[in-house]
Protein backbone atom coordinates (compact mmCIF):
# COMPACT_ATOMS: atom_id res chain seq x y z
CA UNK A 1 0.00 0.00 0.00
CA UNK A 2 2.77 2.43 0.84
CA UNK A 3 4.42 1.70 -2.53
CA UNK A 4 1.32 2.97 -4.30
CA UNK A 5 1.19 6.10 -2.17
CA UNK A 6 4.89 6.77 -2.75
CA UNK A 7 4.39 6.38 -6.51
CA UNK A 8 1.68 9.05 -6.43
CA UNK A 9 3.80 11.34 -4.30
CA UNK A 10 6.93 10.86 -6.44
CA UNK A 11 4.97 11.36 -9.68
CA UNK A 12 3.44 14.59 -8.38
CA UNK A 13 6.89 15.92 -7.43
CA UNK A 14 8.25 15.01 -10.88
CA UNK A 15 5.35 16.75 -12.62
CA UNK A 16 5.73 19.82 -10.42
CA UNK A 17 9.44 20.07 -11.22
CA UNK A 18 8.69 19.62 -14.94
CA UNK A 19 6.12 22.40 -14.78
CA UNK A 20 8.64 24.72 -13.12
CA UNK A 21 11.13 24.03 -15.90
CA UNK A 22 8.47 24.43 -18.59
CA UNK A 23 7.36 27.73 -17.04
CA UNK A 24 10.93 29.01 -17.21
CA UNK A 25 11.15 28.55 -20.98
CA UNK A 26 7.61 28.69 -22.41
CA UNK A 27 4.47 30.78 -22.06
CA UNK A 28 1.32 29.16 -20.71
CA UNK A 29 -1.74 28.72 -22.92
CA UNK A 30 -4.32 28.62 -20.11
CA UNK A 31 -5.20 30.42 -16.94
CA UNK A 32 -3.71 29.29 -13.66
CA UNK A 33 -6.65 27.26 -12.25
CA UNK A 34 -7.30 25.31 -15.44
CA UNK A 35 -3.58 24.78 -15.93
CA UNK A 36 -3.11 23.18 -12.49
CA UNK A 37 -6.27 21.05 -12.82
CA UNK A 38 -4.83 19.54 -16.00
CA UNK A 39 -1.39 19.04 -14.42
CA UNK A 40 -2.90 17.33 -11.38
CA UNK A 41 -5.11 15.05 -13.45
CA UNK A 42 -2.23 14.05 -15.75
CA UNK A 43 0.02 13.34 -12.76
CA UNK A 44 -2.72 11.21 -11.21
CA UNK A 45 -3.26 9.29 -14.45
CA UNK A 46 0.47 8.71 -14.90
CA UNK A 47 0.88 7.42 -11.34
CA UNK A 48 -2.16 5.17 -11.69
CA UNK A 49 -0.84 3.76 -14.95
CA UNK A 50 2.61 3.18 -13.46
CA UNK A 51 1.10 1.44 -10.44
CA UNK A 52 -0.98 -0.87 -12.62
CA UNK A 53 1.62 -1.62 -15.27
CA UNK A 54 4.82 -1.41 -13.21
CA UNK A 55 5.39 -5.14 -13.03
CA UNK A 56 4.29 -5.95 -16.59
CA UNK A 57 6.33 -3.36 -18.51
CA UNK A 58 10.07 -3.45 -19.12
CA UNK A 59 12.17 -0.46 -18.04
CA UNK A 60 12.64 1.02 -21.52
CA UNK A 61 8.87 1.30 -22.00
CA UNK A 62 8.62 3.33 -18.79
CA UNK A 63 11.23 5.69 -20.22
CA UNK A 64 9.19 6.10 -23.40
CA UNK A 65 6.00 6.65 -21.39
CA UNK A 66 7.68 9.39 -19.34
CA UNK A 67 9.10 11.13 -22.43
CA UNK A 68 5.79 10.99 -24.29
CA UNK A 69 3.88 12.25 -21.25
CA UNK A 70 6.22 15.23 -20.72
CA UNK A 71 6.13 16.04 -24.42
CA UNK A 72 2.33 16.07 -24.53
CA UNK A 73 2.06 18.02 -21.29
CA UNK A 74 4.28 20.66 -22.84
CA UNK A 75 2.34 20.63 -26.12
CA UNK A 76 -1.04 20.89 -24.36
CA UNK A 77 -0.17 23.50 -21.74
CA UNK A 78 2.44 25.74 -23.36
CA UNK A 79 2.98 27.84 -26.45
CA UNK A 80 6.02 26.48 -28.25
CA UNK A 81 7.10 24.60 -31.36
CA UNK A 82 7.29 20.79 -31.53
CA UNK A 83 11.06 20.49 -31.55
CA UNK A 84 11.49 22.67 -28.48
CA UNK A 85 8.81 20.62 -26.71
CA UNK A 86 10.73 17.44 -27.49
CA UNK A 87 14.00 19.03 -26.43
CA UNK A 88 12.67 20.28 -23.09
CA UNK A 89 11.01 16.90 -22.43
CA UNK A 90 14.31 15.10 -22.95
CA UNK A 91 16.07 17.63 -20.72
CA UNK A 92 13.58 17.16 -17.86
CA UNK A 93 13.81 13.39 -18.14
CA UNK A 94 17.61 13.38 -18.33
CA UNK A 95 18.09 15.71 -15.35
CA UNK A 96 15.53 13.81 -13.31
CA UNK A 97 17.09 10.40 -13.85
CA UNK A 98 20.77 11.37 -13.92
CA UNK A 99 20.82 11.82 -10.16
CA UNK A 100 19.12 8.48 -9.55
CA UNK A 101 21.56 6.57 -11.76
CA UNK A 102 24.56 8.38 -10.27
CA UNK A 103 23.37 7.53 -6.76
CA UNK A 104 22.97 3.83 -7.65
CA UNK A 105 26.46 3.68 -9.18
CA UNK A 106 27.99 5.32 -6.10
CA UNK A 107 26.22 2.87 -3.80
CA UNK A 108 27.35 -0.08 -5.96
CA UNK A 109 30.99 1.09 -5.91
CA UNK A 110 30.85 1.53 -2.15
CA UNK A 111 29.47 -1.99 -1.73
CA UNK A 112 32.15 -3.42 -4.05
CA UNK A 113 34.92 -1.72 -2.08
CA UNK A 114 33.89 -3.33 1.20
């Protein structure tokens, strides 16, 4: 049960950080209330999908799902061209997951050195 809750919490934090990055580089299409309703609903849908399909999908498909979701969030909510939307989606995904991979490698090296 706590795994499901943590997935929702983690997904909301990821979406919030993506929105902050998107706000820094693109203009919003909608007013504030409608904008955040859409962000919240998309974060909820993503977390629900990840909870349901987490065991059935391989890791690379989760990467594609995250990239596609961030791309469409940017396309729906912001004024920008397609290539910039793809670029900023890759940037948010890369910065989000770089720290996680770096942490795992550091922990693995520390365990190997013992």
